[in-house]
Amino acid sequence: MVSTFNLPPGTGLPGFSERYARFVAALRDEDLLVASSGVGRRVTDTPMDTDSGNPRCHATLITFRDRTQLDAAYARLTRDTAAHHGVQALVAAGLFSCWDMKDDD
């Protein structure tokens, strides 16, 4: 899952990163994800960044083992939303997309 977003005014990257890391650790402890990147900053001053219409400045990447784990994570987040909302409340203009990166059909 790729999440791209901005941080609202008054939300610093270090504080958000710490909260995000705790959120991810809790999901990992429950075997609801395989791995997650840290919070990345967008690099727009390169010709490799061609998405000029996307104003988002930060991104994370979460890896799930399979669709079953992804669905279980979603079910968990909809059942007990406090941790998820704690992170989500600090995100502005969030865009979340899921990708299957396996080579098989």
PDB file of N, CA and C in Angstrom:
ATOM      1  N   MET A   1       0.843  -1.156   0.000  1.00  0.00           N
ATOM      2  CA  MET A   1       0.000   0.000   0.000  1.00  0.00           C
ATOM      3  C   MET A   1       0.894   1.226   0.000  1.00  0.00           C
ATOM      4  N   VAL A   2       0.632   2.120  -0.912  1.00  0.00           N
ATOM      5  CA  VAL A   2       1.360   3.374  -0.998  1.00  0.00           C
ATOM      6  C   VAL A   2       0.443   4.474  -0.471  1.00  0.00           C
ATOM      7  N   SER A   3       0.936   5.218   0.482  1.00  0.00           N
ATOM      8  CA  SER A   3       0.192   6.351   1.031  1.00  0.00           C
ATOM      9  C   SER A   3       0.981   7.618   0.735  1.00  0.00           C
ATOM     10  N   THR A   4       0.351   8.575   0.088  1.00  0.00           N
ATOM     11  CA  THR A   4       0.975   9.870  -0.125  1.00  0.00           C
ATOM     12  C   THR A   4       0.099  10.917   0.546  1.00  0.00           C
ATOM     13  N   PHE A   5       0.740  11.929   1.118  1.00  0.00           N
ATOM     14  CA  PHE A   5      -0.008  12.875   1.942  1.00  0.00           C
ATOM     15  C   PHE A   5       0.843  14.102   2.251  1.00  0.00           C
ATOM     16  N   ASN A   6       0.185  15.091   2.803  1.00  0.00           N
ATOM     17  CA  ASN A   6       0.836  16.258   3.386  1.00  0.00           C
ATOM     18  C   ASN A   6       0.606  16.212   4.885  1.00  0.00           C
ATOM     19  N   LEU A   7       1.363  16.978   5.597  1.00  0.00           N
ATOM     20  CA  LEU A   7       1.131  17.167   7.019  1.00  0.00           C
ATOM     21  C   LEU A   7       0.496  18.541   7.196  1.00  0.00           C
ATOM     22  N   PRO A   8      -0.567  18.623   7.982  1.00  0.00           N
ATOM     23  CA  PRO A   8      -1.208  19.922   8.163  1.00  0.00           C
ATOM     24  C   PRO A   8      -0.300  20.889   8.924  1.00  0.00           C
ATOM     25  N   PRO A   9      -0.552  22.170   8.803  1.00  0.00           N
ATOM     26  CA  PRO A   9       0.240  23.149   9.555  1.00  0.00           C
ATOM     27  C   PRO A   9       0.254  22.805  11.046  1.00  0.00           C
ATOM     28  N   GLY A  10       1.402  22.918  11.650  1.00  0.00           N
ATOM     29  CA  GLY A  10       1.539  22.622  13.069  1.00  0.00           C
ATOM     30  C   GLY A  10       1.910  21.187  13.373  1.00  0.00           C
ATOM     31  N   THR A  11       1.899  20.318  12.371  1.00  0.00           N
ATOM     32  CA  THR A  11       2.287  18.917  12.566  1.00  0.00           C
ATOM     33  C   THR A  11       3.695  18.733  12.022  1.00  0.00           C
ATOM     34  N   GLY A  12       4.633  18.470  12.910  1.00  0.00           N
ATOM     35  CA  GLY A  12       6.017  18.297  12.501  1.00  0.00           C
ATOM     36  C   GLY A  12       6.296  16.875  12.049  1.00  0.00           C
ATOM     37  N   LEU A  13       7.242  16.731  11.142  1.00  0.00           N
ATOM     38  CA  LEU A  13       7.596  15.406  10.639  1.00  0.00           C
ATOM     39  C   LEU A  13       8.126  14.488  11.739  1.00  0.00           C
ATOM     40  N   PRO A  14       8.993  14.947  12.653  1.00  0.00           N
ATOM     41  CA  PRO A  14       9.470  14.026  13.700  1.00  0.00           C
ATOM     42  C   PRO A  14       8.337  13.465  14.566  1.00  0.00           C
ATOM     43  N   GLY A  15       7.416  14.295  14.990  1.00  0.00           N
ATOM     44  CA  GLY A  15       6.301  13.822  15.811  1.00  0.00           C
ATOM     45  C   GLY A  15       5.401  12.869  15.052  1.00  0.00           C
ATOM     46  N   PHE A  16       5.118  13.185  13.793  1.00  0.00           N
ATOM     47  CA  PHE A  16       4.298  12.297  12.982  1.00  0.00           C
ATOM     48  C   PHE A  16       5.008  10.963  12.779  1.00  0.00           C
ATOM     49  N   SER A  17       6.296  11.015  12.477  1.00  0.00           N
ATOM     50  CA  SER A  17       7.064   9.786  12.234  1.00  0.00           C
ATOM     51  C   SER A  17       7.057   8.874  13.450  1.00  0.00           C
ATOM     52  N   GLU A  18       7.179   9.452  14.640  1.00  0.00           N
ATOM     53  CA  GLU A  18       7.151   8.645  15.866  1.00  0.00           C
ATOM     54  C   GLU A  18       5.788   7.974  16.044  1.00  0.00           C
ATOM     55  N   ARG A  19       4.722   8.710  15.832  1.00  0.00           N
ATOM     56  CA  ARG A  19       3.378   8.142  15.981  1.00  0.00           C
ATOM     57  C   ARG A  19       3.147   7.059  14.925  1.00  0.00           C
ATOM     58  N   TYR A  20       3.590   7.320  13.707  1.00  0.00           N
ATOM     59  CA  TYR A  20       3.440   6.340  12.628  1.00  0.00           C
ATOM     60  C   TYR A  20       4.212   5.060  12.966  1.00  0.00           C
ATOM     61  N   ALA A  21       5.423   5.195  13.489  1.00  0.00           N
ATOM     62  CA  ALA A  21       6.234   4.023  13.843  1.00  0.00           C
ATOM     63  C   ALA A  21       5.540   3.184  14.914  1.00  0.00           C
ATOM     64  N   ARG A  22       4.912   3.812  15.893  1.00  0.00           N
ATOM     65  CA  ARG A  22       4.169   3.064  16.925  1.00  0.00           C
ATOM     66  C   ARG A  22       2.965   2.350  16.327  1.00  0.00           C
ATOM     67  N   PHE A  23       2.276   3.025  15.427  1.00  0.00           N
ATOM     68  CA  PHE A  23       1.127   2.440  14.736  1.00  0.00           C
ATOM     69  C   PHE A  23       1.548   1.196  13.952  1.00  0.00           C
ATOM     70  N   VAL A  24       2.616   1.315  13.202  1.00  0.00           N
ATOM     71  CA  VAL A  24       3.119   0.206  12.392  1.00  0.00           C
ATOM     72  C   VAL A  24       3.594  -0.943  13.286  1.00  0.00           C
ATOM     73  N   ALA A  25       4.273  -0.622  14.379  1.00  0.00           N
ATOM     74  CA  ALA A  25       4.762  -1.669  15.286  1.00  0.00           C
ATOM     75  C   ALA A  25       3.593  -2.465  15.866  1.00  0.00           C
ATOM     76  N   ALA A  26       2.511  -1.788  16.200  1.00  0.00           N
ATOM     77  CA  ALA A  26       1.337  -2.490  16.735  1.00  0.00           C
ATOM     78  C   ALA A  26       0.755  -3.438  15.694  1.00  0.00           C
ATOM     79  N   LEU A  27       0.670  -3.005  14.448  1.00  0.00           N
ATOM     80  CA  LEU A  27       0.154  -3.888  13.397  1.00  0.00           C
ATOM     81  C   LEU A  27       1.103  -5.053  13.142  1.00  0.00           C
ATOM     82  N   ARG A  28       2.402  -4.787  13.177  1.00  0.00           N
ATOM     83  CA  ARG A  28       3.380  -5.863  12.976  1.00  0.00           C
ATOM     84  C   ARG A  28       3.282  -6.879  14.107  1.00  0.00           C
ATOM     85  N   ASP A  29       3.111  -6.399  15.344  1.00  0.00           N
ATOM     86  CA  ASP A  29       2.977  -7.302  16.491  1.00  0.00           C
ATOM     87  C   ASP A  29       1.760  -8.213  16.362  1.00  0.00           C
ATOM     88  N   GLU A  30       0.734  -7.740  15.674  1.00  0.00           N
ATOM     89  CA  GLU A  30      -0.472  -8.541  15.451  1.00  0.00           C
ATOM     90  C   GLU A  30      -0.408  -9.316  14.142  1.00  0.00           C
ATOM     91  N   ASP A  31       0.746  -9.331  13.495  1.00  0.00           N
ATOM     92  CA  ASP A  31       0.961 -10.004  12.213  1.00  0.00           C
ATOM     93  C   ASP A  31      -0.008  -9.498  11.141  1.00  0.00           C
ATOM     94  N   LEU A  32      -0.209  -8.175  11.115  1.00  0.00           N
ATOM     95  CA  LEU A  32      -1.119  -7.582  10.138  1.00  0.00           C
ATOM     96  C   LEU A  32      -0.393  -6.821   9.044  1.00  0.00           C
ATOM     97  N   LEU A  33       0.919  -6.877   9.040  1.00  0.00           N
ATOM     98  CA  LEU A  33       1.717  -6.361   7.934  1.00  0.00           C
ATOM     99  C   LEU A  33       3.078  -7.014   7.995  1.00  0.00           C
ATOM    100  N   VAL A  34       3.784  -6.977   6.877  1.00  0.00           N
ATOM    101  CA  VAL A  34       5.122  -7.561   6.816  1.00  0.00           C
ATOM    102  C   VAL A  34       6.173  -6.505   7.133  1.00  0.00           C
ATOM    103  N   ALA A  35       6.048  -5.346   6.501  1.00  0.00           N
ATOM    104  CA  ALA A  35       7.042  -4.296   6.679  1.00  0.00           C
ATOM    105  C   ALA A  35       6.448  -2.949   6.317  1.00  0.00           C
ATOM    106  N   SER A  36       7.122  -1.918   6.766  1.00  0.00           N
ATOM    107  CA  SER A  36       6.743  -0.563   6.388  1.00  0.00           C
ATOM    108  C   SER A  36       7.986   0.289   6.278  1.00  0.00           C
ATOM    109  N   SER A  37       7.963   1.178   5.320  1.00  0.00           N
ATOM    110  CA  SER A  37       9.033   2.153   5.213  1.00  0.00           C
ATOM    111  C   SER A  37       8.861   3.175   6.325  1.00  0.00           C
ATOM    112  N   GLY A  38       9.835   4.011   6.469  1.00  0.00           N
ATOM    113  CA  GLY A  38       9.646   5.198   7.286  1.00  0.00           C
ATOM    114  C   GLY A  38       8.826   6.193   6.479  1.00  0.00           C
ATOM    115  N   VAL A  39       8.736   7.398   6.976  1.00  0.00           N
ATOM    116  CA  VAL A  39       8.013   8.450   6.268  1.00  0.00           C
ATOM    117  C   VAL A  39       9.003   9.141   5.335  1.00  0.00           C
ATOM    118  N   GLY A  40       8.714   9.064   4.038  1.00  0.00           N
ATOM    119  CA  GLY A  40       9.604   9.655   3.051  1.00  0.00           C
ATOM    120  C   GLY A  40       9.203  11.070   2.679  1.00  0.00           C
ATOM    121  N   ARG A  41      10.188  11.834   2.236  1.00  0.00           N
ATOM    122  CA  ARG A  41       9.944  13.182   1.715  1.00  0.00           C
ATOM    123  C   ARG A  41      10.079  13.156   0.212  1.00  0.00           C
ATOM    124  N   ARG A  42       9.198  13.815  -0.436  1.00  0.00           N
ATOM    125  CA  ARG A  42       9.206  13.861  -1.891  1.00  0.00           C
ATOM    126  C   ARG A  42      10.385  14.701  -2.393  1.00  0.00           C
ATOM    127  N   VAL A  43      10.955  14.249  -3.498  1.00  0.00           N
ATOM    128  CA  VAL A  43      12.050  14.960  -4.152  1.00  0.00           C
ATOM    129  C   VAL A  43      11.514  15.457  -5.491  1.00  0.00           C
ATOM    130  N   THR A  44      11.156  16.722  -5.542  1.00  0.00           N
ATOM    131  CA  THR A  44      10.521  17.258  -6.748  1.00  0.00           C
ATOM    132  C   THR A  44      11.493  17.916  -7.714  1.00  0.00           C
ATOM    133  N   ASP A  45      12.717  18.159  -7.278  1.00  0.00           N
ATOM    134  CA  ASP A  45      13.664  18.872  -8.139  1.00  0.00           C
ATOM    135  C   ASP A  45      14.515  17.919  -8.979  1.00  0.00           C
ATOM    136  N   THR A  46      13.855  16.911  -9.530  1.00  0.00           N
ATOM    137  CA  THR A  46      14.511  15.962 -10.417  1.00  0.00           C
ATOM    138  C   THR A  46      13.563  15.658 -11.578  1.00  0.00           C
ATOM    139  N   PRO A  47      14.099  15.431 -12.765  1.00  0.00           N
ATOM    140  CA  PRO A  47      13.225  15.083 -13.880  1.00  0.00           C
ATOM    141  C   PRO A  47      12.537  13.726 -13.700  1.00  0.00           C
ATOM    142  N   MET A  48      12.960  12.933 -12.726  1.00  0.00           N
ATOM    143  CA  MET A  48      12.318  11.636 -12.493  1.00  0.00           C
ATOM    144  C   MET A  48      10.966  11.798 -11.821  1.00  0.00           C
ATOM    145  N   ASP A  49      10.703  12.943 -11.174  1.00  0.00           N
ATOM    146  CA  ASP A  49       9.410  13.201 -10.562  1.00  0.00           C
ATOM    147  C   ASP A  49       8.551  13.900 -11.608  1.00  0.00           C
ATOM    148  N   THR A  50       7.663  13.140 -12.221  1.00  0.00           N
ATOM    149  CA  THR A  50       6.873  13.667 -13.343  1.00  0.00           C
ATOM    150  C   THR A  50       5.422  13.946 -12.976  1.00  0.00           C
ATOM    151  N   ASP A  51       5.074  13.795 -11.708  1.00  0.00           N
ATOM    152  CA  ASP A  51       3.688  13.960 -11.290  1.00  0.00           C
ATOM    153  C   ASP A  51       3.449  15.400 -10.815  1.00  0.00           C
ATOM    154  N   SER A  52       3.522  16.330 -11.734  1.00  0.00           N
ATOM    155  CA  SER A  52       3.419  17.745 -11.369  1.00  0.00           C
ATOM    156  C   SER A  52       2.044  18.116 -10.820  1.00  0.00           C
ATOM    157  N   GLY A  53       1.030  17.330 -11.078  1.00  0.00           N
ATOM    158  CA  GLY A  53      -0.308  17.617 -10.579  1.00  0.00           C
ATOM    159  C   GLY A  53      -0.549  17.119  -9.161  1.00  0.00           C
ATOM    160  N   ASN A  54       0.416  16.435  -8.570  1.00  0.00           N
ATOM    161  CA  ASN A  54       0.271  15.858  -7.241  1.00  0.00           C
ATOM    162  C   ASN A  54       0.994  16.748  -6.223  1.00  0.00           C
ATOM    163  N   PRO A  55       0.253  17.420  -5.359  1.00  0.00           N
ATOM    164  CA  PRO A  55       0.893  18.335  -4.407  1.00  0.00           C
ATOM    165  C   PRO A  55       1.397  17.662  -3.129  1.00  0.00           C
ATOM    166  N   ARG A  56       1.284  16.348  -3.018  1.00  0.00           N
ATOM    167  CA  ARG A  56       1.649  15.669  -1.770  1.00  0.00           C
ATOM    168  C   ARG A  56       3.166  15.617  -1.582  1.00  0.00           C
ATOM    169  N   CYS A  57       3.591  15.804  -0.320  1.00  0.00           N
ATOM    170  CA  CYS A  57       5.016  15.941  -0.003  1.00  0.00           C
ATOM    171  C   CYS A  57       5.620  14.742   0.726  1.00  0.00           C
ATOM    172  N   HIS A  58       4.796  13.832   1.240  1.00  0.00           N
ATOM    173  CA  HIS A  58       5.303  12.707   2.033  1.00  0.00           C
ATOM    174  C   HIS A  58       4.679  11.404   1.552  1.00  0.00           C
ATOM    175  N   ALA A  59       5.366  10.300   1.849  1.00  0.00           N
ATOM    176  CA  ALA A  59       4.853   8.994   1.446  1.00  0.00           C
ATOM    177  C   ALA A  59       5.334   7.919   2.411  1.00  0.00           C
ATOM    178  N   THR A  60       4.546   6.852   2.486  1.00  0.00           N
ATOM    179  CA  THR A  60       4.945   5.636   3.187  1.00  0.00           C
ATOM    180  C   THR A  60       4.576   4.449   2.308  1.00  0.00           C
ATOM    181  N   LEU A  61       5.218   3.338   2.575  1.00  0.00           N
ATOM    182  CA  LEU A  61       4.937   2.103   1.858  1.00  0.00           C
ATOM    183  C   LEU A  61       4.770   0.993   2.877  1.00  0.00           C
ATOM    184  N   ILE A  62       3.635   0.321   2.844  1.00  0.00           N
ATOM    185  CA  ILE A  62       3.379  -0.825   3.715  1.00  0.00           C
ATOM    186  C   ILE A  62       3.292  -2.064   2.834  1.00  0.00           C
ATOM    187  N   THR A  63       3.961  -3.125   3.258  1.00  0.00           N
ATOM    188  CA  THR A  63       3.955  -4.383   2.522  1.00  0.00           C
ATOM    189  C   THR A  63       3.158  -5.423   3.302  1.00  0.00           C
ATOM    190  N   PHE A  64       2.236  -6.057   2.606  1.00  0.00           N
ATOM    191  CA  PHE A  64       1.457  -7.151   3.160  1.00  0.00           C
ATOM    192  C   PHE A  64       1.899  -8.454   2.504  1.00  0.00           C
ATOM    193  N   ARG A  65       1.816  -9.528   3.232  1.00  0.00           N
ATOM    194  CA  ARG A  65       2.214 -10.837   2.720  1.00  0.00           C
ATOM    195  C   ARG A  65       1.315 -11.265   1.556  1.00  0.00           C
ATOM    196  N   ASP A  66       0.019 -10.997   1.700  1.00  0.00           N
ATOM    197  CA  ASP A  66      -0.946 -11.430   0.697  1.00  0.00           C
ATOM    198  C   ASP A  66      -2.266 -10.694   0.934  1.00  0.00           C
ATOM    199  N   ARG A  67      -3.229 -10.986   0.124  1.00  0.00           N
ATOM    200  CA  ARG A  67      -4.533 -10.324   0.231  1.00  0.00           C
ATOM    201  C   ARG A  67      -5.218 -10.648   1.554  1.00  0.00           C
ATOM    202  N   THR A  68      -5.019 -11.850   2.054  1.00  0.00           N
ATOM    203  CA  THR A  68      -5.623 -12.233   3.326  1.00  0.00           C
ATOM    204  C   THR A  68      -5.124 -11.340   4.453  1.00  0.00           C
ATOM    205  N   GLN A  69      -3.817 -11.079   4.483  1.00  0.00           N
ATOM    206  CA  GLN A  69      -3.260 -10.217   5.525  1.00  0.00           C
ATOM    207  C   GLN A  69      -3.742  -8.774   5.360  1.00  0.00           C
ATOM    208  N   LEU A  70      -3.793  -8.302   4.122  1.00  0.00           N
ATOM    209  CA  LEU A  70      -4.295  -6.952   3.848  1.00  0.00           C
ATOM    210  C   LEU A  70      -5.730  -6.807   4.347  1.00  0.00           C
ATOM    211  N   ASP A  71      -6.580  -7.767   4.013  1.00  0.00           N
ATOM    212  CA  ASP A  71      -7.981  -7.711   4.437  1.00  0.00           C
ATOM    213  C   ASP A  71      -8.111  -7.791   5.959  1.00  0.00           C
ATOM    214  N   ALA A  72      -7.265  -8.588   6.593  1.00  0.00           N
ATOM    215  CA  ALA A  72      -7.296  -8.690   8.058  1.00  0.00           C
ATOM    216  C   ALA A  72      -6.868  -7.360   8.688  1.00  0.00           C
ATOM    217  N   ALA A  73      -5.879  -6.700   8.114  1.00  0.00           N
ATOM    218  CA  ALA A  73      -5.453  -5.391   8.621  1.00  0.00           C
ATOM    219  C   ALA A  73      -6.589  -4.387   8.491  1.00  0.00           C
ATOM    220  N   TYR A  74      -7.256  -4.388   7.354  1.00  0.00           N
ATOM    221  CA  TYR A  74      -8.376  -3.463   7.150  1.00  0.00           C
ATOM    222  C   TYR A  74      -9.492  -3.733   8.153  1.00  0.00           C
ATOM    223  N   ALA A  75      -9.811  -4.998   8.360  1.00  0.00           N
ATOM    224  CA  ALA A  75     -10.855  -5.360   9.319  1.00  0.00           C
ATOM    225  C   ALA A  75     -10.477  -4.892  10.718  1.00  0.00           C
ATOM    226  N   ARG A  76      -9.228  -5.054  11.078  1.00  0.00           N
ATOM    227  CA  ARG A  76      -8.748  -4.623  12.401  1.00  0.00           C
ATOM    228  C   ARG A  76      -8.892  -3.111  12.557  1.00  0.00           C
ATOM    229  N   LEU A  77      -8.532  -2.368  11.521  1.00  0.00           N
ATOM    230  CA  LEU A  77      -8.581  -0.912  11.596  1.00  0.00           C
ATOM    231  C   LEU A  77     -10.006  -0.385  11.627  1.00  0.00           C
ATOM    232  N   THR A  78     -10.921  -1.093  11.030  1.00  0.00           N
ATOM    233  CA  THR A  78     -12.315  -0.641  11.070  1.00  0.00           C
ATOM    234  C   THR A  78     -13.003  -1.045  12.375  1.00  0.00           C
ATOM    235  N   ARG A  79     -12.468  -2.073  13.034  1.00  0.00           N
ATOM    236  CA  ARG A  79     -13.030  -2.533  14.309  1.00  0.00           C
ATOM    237  C   ARG A  79     -12.556  -1.662  15.470  1.00  0.00           C
ATOM    238  N   ASP A  80     -11.261  -1.354  15.489  1.00  0.00           N
ATOM    239  CA  ASP A  80     -10.662  -0.563  16.575  1.00  0.00           C
ATOM    240  C   ASP A  80      -9.939   0.602  15.927  1.00  0.00           C
ATOM    241  N   THR A  81     -10.629   1.688  15.782  1.00  0.00           N
ATOM    242  CA  THR A  81     -10.126   2.783  14.956  1.00  0.00           C
ATOM    243  C   THR A  81      -9.225   3.780  15.687  1.00  0.00           C
ATOM    244  N   ALA A  82      -9.073   3.676  16.988  1.00  0.00           N
ATOM    245  CA  ALA A  82      -8.345   4.700  17.746  1.00  0.00           C
ATOM    246  C   ALA A  82      -6.921   4.901  17.232  1.00  0.00           C
ATOM    247  N   ALA A  83      -6.171   3.833  17.072  1.00  0.00           N
ATOM    248  CA  ALA A  83      -4.786   3.970  16.625  1.00  0.00           C
ATOM    249  C   ALA A  83      -4.712   4.518  15.206  1.00  0.00           C
ATOM    250  N   HIS A  84      -5.563   4.010  14.349  1.00  0.00           N
ATOM    251  CA  HIS A  84      -5.575   4.448  12.955  1.00  0.00           C
ATOM    252  C   HIS A  84      -5.957   5.925  12.862  1.00  0.00           C
ATOM    253  N   HIS A  85      -6.977   6.319  13.580  1.00  0.00           N
ATOM    254  CA  HIS A  85      -7.413   7.712  13.544  1.00  0.00           C
ATOM    255  C   HIS A  85      -6.362   8.634  14.156  1.00  0.00           C
ATOM    256  N   GLY A  86      -5.595   8.133  15.110  1.00  0.00           N
ATOM    257  CA  GLY A  86      -4.528   8.936  15.697  1.00  0.00           C
ATOM    258  C   GLY A  86      -3.492   9.340  14.669  1.00  0.00           C
ATOM    259  N   VAL A  87      -3.206   8.461  13.741  1.00  0.00           N
ATOM    260  CA  VAL A  87      -2.278   8.773  12.652  1.00  0.00           C
ATOM    261  C   VAL A  87      -3.004   9.523  11.546  1.00  0.00           C
ATOM    262  N   GLN A  88      -4.166   9.044  11.185  1.00  0.00           N
ATOM    263  CA  GLN A  88      -4.923   9.641  10.085  1.00  0.00           C
ATOM    264  C   GLN A  88      -5.295  11.098  10.366  1.00  0.00           C
ATOM    265  N   ALA A  89      -5.513  11.443  11.623  1.00  0.00           N
ATOM    266  CA  ALA A  89      -5.865  12.819  11.982  1.00  0.00           C
ATOM    267  C   ALA A  89      -4.719  13.784  11.713  1.00  0.00           C
ATOM    268  N   LEU A  90      -3.504  13.255  11.600  1.00  0.00           N
ATOM    269  CA  LEU A  90      -2.335  14.102  11.353  1.00  0.00           C
ATOM    270  C   LEU A  90      -1.976  14.183   9.870  1.00  0.00           C
ATOM    271  N   VAL A  91      -2.849  13.677   9.014  1.00  0.00           N
ATOM    272  CA  VAL A  91      -2.582  13.632   7.575  1.00  0.00           C
ATOM    273  C   VAL A  91      -3.538  14.576   6.854  1.00  0.00           C
ATOM    274  N   ALA A  92      -3.008  15.308   5.890  1.00  0.00           N
ATOM    275  CA  ALA A  92      -3.841  16.167   5.047  1.00  0.00           C
ATOM    276  C   ALA A  92      -3.687  15.709   3.605  1.00  0.00           C
ATOM    277  N   ALA A  93      -4.756  15.770   2.851  1.00  0.00           N
ATOM    278  CA  ALA A  93      -4.732  15.432   1.419  1.00  0.00           C
ATOM    279  C   ALA A  93      -4.191  14.027   1.181  1.00  0.00           C
ATOM    280  N   GLY A  94      -4.606  13.078   2.006  1.00  0.00           N
ATOM    281  CA  GLY A  94      -4.125  11.706   1.864  1.00  0.00           C
ATOM    282  C   GLY A  94      -4.670  11.009   0.628  1.00  0.00           C
ATOM    283  N   LEU A  95      -3.808  10.250   0.000  1.00  0.00           N
ATOM    284  CA  LEU A  95      -4.192   9.407  -1.130  1.00  0.00           C
ATOM    285  C   LEU A  95      -3.578   8.039  -0.871  1.00  0.00           C
ATOM    286  N   PHE A  96      -4.407   7.008  -0.858  1.00  0.00           N
ATOM    287  CA  PHE A  96      -3.974   5.667  -0.472  1.00  0.00           C
ATOM    288  C   PHE A  96      -4.291   4.707  -1.613  1.00  0.00           C
ATOM    289  N   SER A  97      -3.294   3.963  -2.046  1.00  0.00           N
ATOM    290  CA  SER A  97      -3.518   3.014  -3.133  1.00  0.00           C
ATOM    291  C   SER A  97      -2.818   1.694  -2.822  1.00  0.00           C
ATOM    292  N   CYS A  98      -3.464   0.613  -3.212  1.00  0.00           N
ATOM    293  CA  CYS A  98      -2.917  -0.723  -2.978  1.00  0.00           C
ATOM    294  C   CYS A  98      -2.483  -1.331  -4.298  1.00  0.00           C
ATOM    295  N   TRP A  99      -1.362  -2.027  -4.270  1.00  0.00           N
ATOM    296  CA  TRP A  99      -0.763  -2.613  -5.462  1.00  0.00           C
ATOM    297  C   TRP A  99      -0.373  -4.044  -5.183  1.00  0.00           C
ATOM    298  N   ASP A 100      -0.573  -4.915  -6.139  1.00  0.00           N
ATOM    299  CA  ASP A 100      -0.106  -6.297  -6.067  1.00  0.00           C
ATOM    300  C   ASP A 100       1.135  -6.374  -6.939  1.00  0.00           C
ATOM    301  N   MET A 101       2.290  -6.610  -6.319  1.00  0.00           N
ATOM    302  CA  MET A 101       3.556  -6.563  -7.037  1.00  0.00           C
ATOM    303  C   MET A 101       4.088  -7.950  -7.431  1.00  0.00           C
ATOM    304  N   LYS A 102       3.264  -8.986  -7.293  1.00  0.00           N
ATOM    305  CA  LYS A 102       3.703 -10.320  -7.682  1.00  0.00           C
ATOM    306  C   LYS A 102       3.687 -10.436  -9.213  1.00  0.00           C
ATOM    307  N   ASP A 103       4.540 -11.286  -9.725  1.00  0.00           N
ATOM    308  CA  ASP A 103       4.645 -11.485 -11.172  1.00  0.00           C
ATOM    309  C   ASP A 103       3.590 -12.410 -11.738  1.00  0.00           C
ATOM    310  N   ASP A 104       2.937 -13.192 -10.857  1.00  0.00           N
ATOM    311  CA  ASP A 104       1.938 -14.137 -11.372  1.00  0.00           C
ATOM    312  C   ASP A 104       0.594 -13.441 -11.610  1.00  0.00           C
ATOM    313  N   ASP A 105      -0.237 -14.079 -12.400  1.00  0.00           N
ATOM    314  CA  ASP A 105      -1.550 -13.498 -12.693  1.00  0.00           C
ATOM    315  C   ASP A 105      -2.540 -13.985 -11.736  1.00  0.00           C
TER     316      ASP A 105
END
